N, C-alpha and C. Protein backbone atom coordinates (compact mmCIF):
# COMPACT_ATOMS: atom_id res chain seq x y z
N UNK A 1 110.17 86.99 36.76
CA UNK A 1 109.94 87.90 37.74
C UNK A 1 111.14 88.68 37.87
N UNK A 2 111.80 89.05 36.78
CA UNK A 2 112.97 89.99 36.88
C UNK A 2 112.57 91.40 37.29
N UNK A 3 111.49 91.93 36.94
CA UNK A 3 110.92 93.28 37.41
C UNK A 3 110.78 93.26 38.90
N UNK A 4 110.35 92.22 39.44
CA UNK A 4 110.14 92.27 40.90
C UNK A 4 111.52 92.30 41.71
N UNK A 5 112.62 91.70 41.05
CA UNK A 5 113.86 91.66 41.63
C UNK A 5 114.68 92.98 41.38
N UNK A 6 114.19 94.00 40.54
CA UNK A 6 114.90 95.02 40.10
C UNK A 6 114.72 96.12 41.26
N UNK A 7 115.76 96.48 41.82
CA UNK A 7 115.66 97.37 42.94
C UNK A 7 115.14 98.80 42.56
N UNK A 8 115.23 99.06 41.36
CA UNK A 8 114.77 100.41 40.81
C UNK A 8 113.18 100.53 41.09
N UNK A 9 112.57 99.32 40.89
CA UNK A 9 111.11 99.31 41.11
C UNK A 9 110.75 99.73 42.65
N UNK A 10 111.41 99.01 43.47
CA UNK A 10 111.20 99.27 44.82
C UNK A 10 111.59 100.71 45.35
N UNK A 11 112.66 101.15 44.72
CA UNK A 11 113.25 102.46 45.13
C UNK A 11 112.17 103.52 44.39
N UNK A 12 111.66 103.39 43.45
CA UNK A 12 110.80 104.18 42.71
C UNK A 12 109.52 104.38 43.57
N UNK A 13 108.99 103.13 43.94
CA UNK A 13 107.71 103.13 44.84
C UNK A 13 107.85 103.87 46.14
N UNK A 14 108.96 103.58 46.74
CA UNK A 14 109.36 104.09 48.00
C UNK A 14 109.47 105.68 48.02
N UNK A 15 110.33 106.14 47.07
CA UNK A 15 110.56 107.49 46.91
C UNK A 15 109.42 108.32 46.58
N UNK A 16 108.59 107.78 45.55
CA UNK A 16 107.47 108.67 45.11
C UNK A 16 106.44 108.56 46.24
N UNK A 17 106.18 107.46 46.83
CA UNK A 17 105.33 107.48 47.99
C UNK A 17 105.70 108.45 49.22
N UNK A 18 106.93 108.31 49.55
CA UNK A 18 107.40 109.28 50.72
C UNK A 18 107.22 110.72 50.28
N UNK A 19 107.71 110.96 49.11
CA UNK A 19 107.52 112.44 48.56
C UNK A 19 106.11 112.81 48.48
N UNK A 20 105.27 112.07 48.12
CA UNK A 20 103.73 112.26 48.04
C UNK A 20 103.26 112.41 49.46
N UNK A 21 103.60 111.65 50.38
CA UNK A 21 103.19 111.72 51.80
C UNK A 21 103.67 113.03 52.44
N UNK A 22 104.82 113.51 51.90
CA UNK A 22 105.34 114.81 52.54
C UNK A 22 104.20 115.92 52.39
N UNK A 23 103.49 115.92 51.24
CA UNK A 23 102.59 116.88 51.00
C UNK A 23 101.53 116.96 52.03
N UNK A 24 101.18 115.76 52.59
CA UNK A 24 100.19 115.69 53.85
C UNK A 24 100.79 116.27 55.09
N UNK A 25 102.07 116.04 55.17
CA UNK A 25 102.81 116.59 56.37
C UNK A 25 102.90 118.12 56.40
N UNK A 26 102.90 118.80 55.26
CA UNK A 26 103.01 120.20 55.18
C UNK A 26 101.54 120.84 55.08
N UNK A 27 100.58 120.02 55.04
CA UNK A 27 99.12 120.46 55.13
C UNK A 27 98.71 120.69 56.58
N UNK A 28 98.73 121.91 57.13
CA UNK A 28 98.56 122.23 58.44
C UNK A 28 97.04 122.20 58.72
N UNK A 29 96.61 121.20 59.66
CA UNK A 29 95.28 121.19 60.13
C UNK A 29 94.34 120.83 59.13
N UNK A 30 94.83 119.95 58.21
CA UNK A 30 93.97 119.46 56.92
C UNK A 30 92.62 118.94 57.42
N UNK A 31 92.43 118.09 58.28
CA UNK A 31 91.27 117.48 58.89
C UNK A 31 90.24 118.55 59.31
N UNK A 32 90.77 119.48 60.07
CA UNK A 32 90.03 120.50 60.68
C UNK A 32 89.54 121.43 59.68
N UNK A 33 90.36 121.83 58.69
CA UNK A 33 89.84 122.81 57.65
C UNK A 33 88.73 122.05 56.75
N UNK A 34 88.99 120.84 56.43
CA UNK A 34 88.09 120.10 55.63
C UNK A 34 86.74 120.05 56.34
N UNK A 35 86.62 119.71 57.52
CA UNK A 35 85.44 119.60 58.24
C UNK A 35 84.77 120.95 58.55
N UNK A 36 85.49 122.05 58.39
CA UNK A 36 85.00 123.31 58.64
C UNK A 36 84.27 123.94 57.32
N UNK A 37 84.49 123.21 56.30
CA UNK A 37 84.03 123.78 54.92
C UNK A 37 82.57 123.37 55.00
N UNK A 38 81.70 124.13 54.11
CA UNK A 38 80.41 123.59 53.54
C UNK A 38 80.66 122.65 52.30
N UNK A 39 80.31 121.35 52.41
CA UNK A 39 80.80 120.38 51.57
C UNK A 39 79.71 119.90 50.70
N UNK A 40 79.89 119.58 49.45
CA UNK A 40 78.74 119.08 48.72
C UNK A 40 78.35 117.59 49.29
N UNK A 41 77.13 117.18 48.75
CA UNK A 41 76.60 115.95 49.36
C UNK A 41 77.45 114.73 48.78
N UNK A 42 78.32 114.80 47.95
CA UNK A 42 79.14 113.64 47.28
C UNK A 42 80.48 113.82 47.87
N UNK A 43 80.88 114.79 48.68
CA UNK A 43 82.20 114.69 49.43
C UNK A 43 82.53 113.46 50.35
N UNK A 44 83.70 112.86 50.08
CA UNK A 44 84.01 111.78 50.95
C UNK A 44 84.40 112.06 52.43
N UNK A 45 84.35 111.19 53.18
CA UNK A 45 84.75 111.38 54.52
C UNK A 45 86.31 111.69 54.60
N UNK A 46 86.75 112.49 55.46
CA UNK A 46 88.22 112.81 55.57
C UNK A 46 89.07 111.63 55.78
N UNK A 47 88.65 110.54 56.39
CA UNK A 47 89.47 109.60 56.57
C UNK A 47 89.89 108.67 55.27
N UNK A 48 89.02 108.86 54.32
CA UNK A 48 89.23 108.08 53.05
C UNK A 48 90.45 108.61 52.25
N UNK A 49 90.69 109.90 52.53
CA UNK A 49 91.83 110.47 51.60
C UNK A 49 93.17 109.82 51.80
N UNK A 50 93.61 109.52 53.11
CA UNK A 50 94.87 108.85 53.34
C UNK A 50 95.09 107.45 52.58
N UNK A 51 94.15 106.63 52.97
CA UNK A 51 94.19 105.25 52.09
C UNK A 51 94.29 105.41 50.67
N UNK A 52 93.41 106.16 50.17
CA UNK A 52 93.40 106.41 48.68
C UNK A 52 94.72 106.94 48.11
N UNK A 53 95.26 107.97 48.75
CA UNK A 53 96.48 108.63 48.24
C UNK A 53 97.67 107.66 48.41
N UNK A 54 97.72 106.76 49.46
CA UNK A 54 98.77 105.81 49.48
C UNK A 54 98.75 104.81 48.43
N UNK A 55 97.46 104.38 48.06
CA UNK A 55 97.48 103.55 46.90
C UNK A 55 97.75 104.27 45.54
N UNK A 56 97.42 105.39 45.43
CA UNK A 56 97.62 106.05 44.27
C UNK A 56 99.32 106.44 44.16
N UNK A 57 99.91 106.74 45.15
CA UNK A 57 101.30 107.11 45.32
C UNK A 57 102.29 105.75 44.84
N UNK A 58 101.63 104.67 45.26
CA UNK A 58 102.25 103.31 44.86
C UNK A 58 102.11 103.13 43.53
N UNK A 59 100.99 103.45 42.94
CA UNK A 59 100.80 103.21 41.44
C UNK A 59 101.66 104.18 40.68
N UNK A 60 101.78 105.45 41.29
CA UNK A 60 102.66 106.40 40.46
C UNK A 60 104.11 105.89 40.59
N UNK A 61 104.46 105.35 41.64
CA UNK A 61 105.91 104.85 41.91
C UNK A 61 106.13 103.79 40.77
N UNK A 62 105.26 102.92 40.56
CA UNK A 62 105.39 101.89 39.62
C UNK A 62 105.48 102.39 38.20
N UNK A 63 104.55 103.41 37.97
CA UNK A 63 104.72 104.18 36.68
C UNK A 63 106.05 104.74 36.51
N UNK A 64 106.65 105.43 37.57
CA UNK A 64 107.90 106.06 37.51
C UNK A 64 108.94 105.18 37.10
N UNK A 65 108.86 103.89 37.60
CA UNK A 65 109.86 102.75 37.30
C UNK A 65 109.65 102.52 35.92
N UNK A 66 108.59 102.39 35.33
CA UNK A 66 108.34 101.99 33.81
C UNK A 66 108.82 103.20 32.98
N UNK A 67 108.67 104.36 33.39
CA UNK A 67 109.30 105.52 32.59
C UNK A 67 110.82 105.54 32.62
N UNK A 68 111.29 105.25 33.93
CA UNK A 68 112.88 105.22 33.97
C UNK A 68 113.30 104.16 33.07
N UNK A 69 112.76 103.03 32.96
CA UNK A 69 113.13 101.88 32.07
C UNK A 69 112.71 101.94 30.73
N UNK A 70 112.18 103.03 30.28
CA UNK A 70 111.56 103.05 28.88
C UNK A 70 112.93 103.18 28.00
N UNK A 71 112.83 102.40 26.90
CA UNK A 71 113.93 102.34 26.05
C UNK A 71 114.30 103.53 25.22
N UNK A 72 113.20 104.24 24.74
CA UNK A 72 113.44 105.32 23.77
C UNK A 72 113.89 106.58 24.73
N UNK A 73 115.06 107.16 24.79
CA UNK A 73 115.52 108.27 25.32
C UNK A 73 114.67 109.51 25.33
N UNK A 74 114.27 109.86 24.04
CA UNK A 74 113.48 111.11 23.92
C UNK A 74 112.29 110.98 24.57
N UNK A 75 111.48 109.89 24.22
CA UNK A 75 110.23 109.64 24.82
C UNK A 75 110.32 109.61 26.42
N UNK A 76 111.44 109.12 27.00
CA UNK A 76 111.65 108.90 28.42
C UNK A 76 111.80 110.38 29.06
N UNK A 77 112.47 111.21 28.41
CA UNK A 77 112.65 112.63 28.83
C UNK A 77 111.21 113.32 28.77
N UNK A 78 110.50 113.23 27.67
CA UNK A 78 109.15 113.80 27.75
C UNK A 78 108.33 113.34 28.94
N UNK A 79 108.29 111.97 29.07
CA UNK A 79 107.51 111.27 30.27
C UNK A 79 107.87 111.73 31.59
N UNK A 80 109.24 111.82 31.77
CA UNK A 80 109.79 112.19 33.07
C UNK A 80 109.42 113.69 33.33
N UNK A 81 109.48 114.51 32.36
CA UNK A 81 109.18 115.96 32.49
C UNK A 81 107.71 116.18 32.80
N UNK A 82 106.70 115.38 32.12
CA UNK A 82 105.50 115.51 32.48
C UNK A 82 105.18 114.88 33.92
N UNK A 83 105.86 113.73 34.25
CA UNK A 83 105.58 113.05 35.59
C UNK A 83 105.99 114.15 36.70
N UNK A 84 107.16 114.63 36.42
CA UNK A 84 107.59 115.61 37.53
C UNK A 84 106.63 116.91 37.68
N UNK A 85 106.36 117.41 36.52
CA UNK A 85 105.41 118.58 36.49
C UNK A 85 104.03 118.26 37.29
N UNK A 86 103.45 117.10 36.80
CA UNK A 86 102.27 116.82 37.54
C UNK A 86 102.46 116.48 38.98
N UNK A 87 103.58 115.99 39.34
CA UNK A 87 103.90 115.71 40.86
C UNK A 87 103.94 116.97 41.55
N UNK A 88 104.62 117.97 40.95
CA UNK A 88 104.81 119.27 41.69
C UNK A 88 103.45 119.90 41.72
N UNK A 89 102.56 120.01 40.80
CA UNK A 89 101.36 120.61 40.74
C UNK A 89 100.52 119.82 42.03
N UNK A 90 100.69 118.53 42.08
CA UNK A 90 99.88 117.82 43.00
C UNK A 90 100.39 118.16 44.38
N UNK A 91 101.61 118.34 44.53
CA UNK A 91 102.25 118.58 45.89
C UNK A 91 101.82 120.08 46.34
N UNK A 92 101.95 121.01 45.46
CA UNK A 92 101.57 122.35 45.60
C UNK A 92 99.99 122.54 45.92
N UNK A 93 99.17 121.65 45.52
CA UNK A 93 97.70 121.79 45.73
C UNK A 93 97.52 121.65 47.22
N UNK A 94 98.10 120.77 47.99
CA UNK A 94 97.74 120.64 49.40
C UNK A 94 98.13 121.93 50.06
N UNK A 95 99.18 122.45 49.76
CA UNK A 95 99.57 123.70 50.55
C UNK A 95 98.64 124.88 50.23
N UNK A 96 98.14 124.94 48.93
CA UNK A 96 97.28 125.80 48.54
C UNK A 96 95.95 125.81 49.25
N UNK A 97 95.36 124.62 49.33
CA UNK A 97 94.03 124.24 49.80
C UNK A 97 94.02 124.22 51.22
N UNK A 98 94.90 123.51 51.82
CA UNK A 98 94.91 123.28 53.40
C UNK A 98 95.66 124.36 54.14
N UNK A 99 96.88 124.62 53.76
CA UNK A 99 97.67 125.54 54.58
C UNK A 99 97.23 126.91 54.22
N UNK A 100 97.18 127.42 53.08
CA UNK A 100 96.75 128.81 52.73
C UNK A 100 95.21 128.98 52.79
N UNK A 101 94.48 127.74 52.71
CA UNK A 101 93.09 127.84 52.69
C UNK A 101 92.51 128.73 51.51
N UNK A 102 93.27 128.63 50.45
CA UNK A 102 92.71 129.43 49.29
C UNK A 102 92.20 128.61 48.15
N UNK A 103 90.81 128.61 48.26
CA UNK A 103 90.14 127.57 47.30
C UNK A 103 90.26 128.09 45.96
N UNK A 104 90.39 129.33 45.55
CA UNK A 104 90.57 129.79 44.21
C UNK A 104 91.95 129.31 43.65
N UNK A 105 92.95 129.52 44.34
CA UNK A 105 94.29 129.08 43.89
C UNK A 105 94.33 127.62 43.74
N UNK A 106 93.67 126.91 44.61
CA UNK A 106 93.70 125.49 44.55
C UNK A 106 92.91 124.95 43.39
N UNK A 107 91.89 125.64 42.98
CA UNK A 107 91.03 125.22 41.75
C UNK A 107 92.03 125.52 40.57
N UNK A 108 92.64 126.51 40.48
CA UNK A 108 93.55 126.95 39.41
C UNK A 108 94.59 125.81 39.33
N UNK A 109 95.14 125.50 40.38
CA UNK A 109 96.25 124.45 40.47
C UNK A 109 95.72 123.13 39.88
N UNK A 110 94.57 122.68 40.58
CA UNK A 110 94.00 121.35 40.21
C UNK A 110 93.50 121.31 38.70
N UNK A 111 93.06 122.49 38.14
CA UNK A 111 92.65 122.47 36.83
C UNK A 111 93.79 122.36 35.76
N UNK A 112 95.01 122.98 36.18
CA UNK A 112 96.28 122.80 35.41
C UNK A 112 96.80 121.36 35.60
N UNK A 113 96.61 120.74 36.84
CA UNK A 113 96.88 119.31 37.02
C UNK A 113 96.23 118.56 36.06
N UNK A 114 94.87 118.81 35.98
CA UNK A 114 93.86 117.90 35.29
C UNK A 114 94.24 117.92 33.86
N UNK A 115 94.54 119.20 33.18
CA UNK A 115 94.91 119.27 31.95
C UNK A 115 96.27 118.55 31.57
N UNK A 116 97.20 118.67 32.51
CA UNK A 116 98.53 118.01 32.28
C UNK A 116 98.22 116.48 32.30
N UNK A 117 97.42 116.06 33.19
CA UNK A 117 97.40 114.48 33.29
C UNK A 117 96.40 114.09 32.12
N UNK A 118 95.58 114.86 31.48
CA UNK A 118 95.02 114.48 30.26
C UNK A 118 95.97 114.22 29.15
N UNK A 119 96.85 115.26 29.11
CA UNK A 119 97.89 115.27 27.94
C UNK A 119 98.84 113.99 28.23
N UNK A 120 99.17 113.75 29.45
CA UNK A 120 100.13 112.69 29.90
C UNK A 120 99.45 111.47 29.63
N UNK A 121 98.21 111.31 29.81
CA UNK A 121 97.50 109.96 29.59
C UNK A 121 97.54 109.54 28.05
N UNK A 122 97.29 110.76 27.35
CA UNK A 122 97.26 110.42 25.81
C UNK A 122 98.73 110.21 25.38
N UNK A 123 99.71 110.68 25.81
CA UNK A 123 101.12 110.48 25.48
C UNK A 123 101.45 108.99 25.89
N UNK A 124 100.90 108.71 27.13
CA UNK A 124 101.14 107.27 27.60
C UNK A 124 100.45 106.28 26.74
N UNK A 125 99.28 106.45 26.37
CA UNK A 125 98.48 105.67 25.59
C UNK A 125 99.19 105.35 24.22
N UNK A 126 99.94 106.12 23.80
CA UNK A 126 100.65 105.99 22.53
C UNK A 126 102.06 105.24 22.78
N UNK A 127 102.76 105.69 23.72
CA UNK A 127 104.20 105.22 23.97
C UNK A 127 104.39 104.29 25.02
N UNK A 128 103.52 104.31 26.18
CA UNK A 128 103.79 103.40 27.25
C UNK A 128 102.44 103.17 27.80
N UNK A 129 101.57 102.25 27.21
CA UNK A 129 100.26 101.95 27.68
C UNK A 129 100.24 101.43 29.05
N UNK A 130 101.22 100.76 29.60
CA UNK A 130 101.18 100.22 30.93
C UNK A 130 101.14 101.43 31.96
N UNK A 131 101.82 102.55 31.55
CA UNK A 131 101.74 103.73 32.37
C UNK A 131 100.45 104.49 32.31
N UNK A 132 99.84 104.40 31.24
CA UNK A 132 98.45 104.95 31.16
C UNK A 132 97.43 104.20 32.18
N UNK A 133 97.60 102.93 32.01
CA UNK A 133 96.57 102.12 32.99
C UNK A 133 97.07 102.20 34.53
N UNK A 134 98.32 102.33 34.88
CA UNK A 134 98.74 102.67 36.14
C UNK A 134 98.22 103.94 36.74
N UNK A 135 98.37 105.05 35.77
CA UNK A 135 97.93 106.26 36.22
C UNK A 135 96.55 106.59 36.03
N UNK A 136 95.75 105.60 35.26
CA UNK A 136 94.22 105.76 35.29
C UNK A 136 93.59 106.04 36.57
N UNK A 137 93.84 105.34 37.63
CA UNK A 137 93.05 105.61 38.89
C UNK A 137 93.35 107.13 39.41
N UNK A 138 94.54 107.40 39.21
CA UNK A 138 94.99 108.79 39.72
C UNK A 138 94.28 109.89 38.89
N UNK A 139 94.24 109.77 37.60
CA UNK A 139 93.55 110.62 36.71
C UNK A 139 92.12 110.65 37.02
N UNK A 140 91.42 109.50 37.43
CA UNK A 140 89.95 109.48 37.83
C UNK A 140 89.75 110.25 39.18
N UNK A 141 90.82 109.97 40.05
CA UNK A 141 90.65 110.57 41.44
C UNK A 141 90.86 112.16 41.15
N UNK A 142 91.87 112.56 40.36
CA UNK A 142 92.08 114.04 40.22
C UNK A 142 90.70 114.61 39.58
N UNK A 143 90.05 114.01 38.64
CA UNK A 143 88.87 114.34 38.07
C UNK A 143 87.80 114.49 39.14
N UNK A 144 87.72 113.60 40.11
CA UNK A 144 86.68 113.74 41.16
C UNK A 144 87.15 114.90 42.11
N UNK A 145 88.37 114.90 42.36
CA UNK A 145 88.77 115.95 43.31
C UNK A 145 88.62 117.38 42.66
N UNK A 146 88.78 117.48 41.34
CA UNK A 146 88.54 118.67 40.69
C UNK A 146 86.98 119.19 40.95
N UNK A 147 86.28 118.20 40.56
CA UNK A 147 84.59 118.48 40.75
C UNK A 147 84.44 118.93 42.29
N UNK A 148 84.99 118.15 43.08
CA UNK A 148 84.91 118.58 44.50
C UNK A 148 85.47 119.83 44.96
N UNK A 149 86.67 120.12 44.45
CA UNK A 149 87.27 121.46 44.65
C UNK A 149 86.50 122.63 44.09
N UNK A 150 85.94 122.46 42.84
CA UNK A 150 85.12 123.57 42.29
C UNK A 150 83.84 123.62 43.13
N UNK A 151 83.30 122.59 43.56
CA UNK A 151 82.07 122.62 44.47
C UNK A 151 82.32 123.39 45.77
N UNK A 152 83.58 123.04 46.31
CA UNK A 152 83.87 123.72 47.59
C UNK A 152 84.07 125.15 47.38
N UNK A 153 84.65 125.63 46.28
CA UNK A 153 84.87 127.06 45.88
C UNK A 153 83.56 127.82 45.90
N UNK A 154 82.57 127.12 45.23
CA UNK A 154 81.29 127.73 44.96
C UNK A 154 80.34 127.77 46.37
N UNK A 155 80.57 126.79 47.06
CA UNK A 155 79.82 126.59 48.40
C UNK A 155 80.36 127.49 49.41
N UNK A 156 81.62 127.92 49.30
CA UNK A 156 82.27 128.66 50.42
C UNK A 156 82.63 129.93 49.93
């Protein structure tokens, strides 16, 4: 159980989760805006997003730990770059969608995020499979969120 005792694991989980939750804080009137939209029939209730994102950020924090402790320095740099880039795109999406209420820009952002995550998953599958599995639920959620975002763009 050496991994559990490694403070870097806990620091990674806490830092990534807190940074992720900041995007929610910067999303002004997120619930009100979401409820004001014409939503597709498959749209989840607003209350579901918070618990899902907490779980996803925890998994992302664990992934971040495995990236930080990856033995090959060149691969670690590539994985860190991709992780940070996807995290930034994820963070920006909330502001575009909820604060600016710009469905078009949020669709562009989430499309770029999905493409980056697809590339990231392929890289992880080759060099850090545990990271691929940990990021799998996030990739699936962003895939679903992309479809939802496109539907909202077309319905509104």
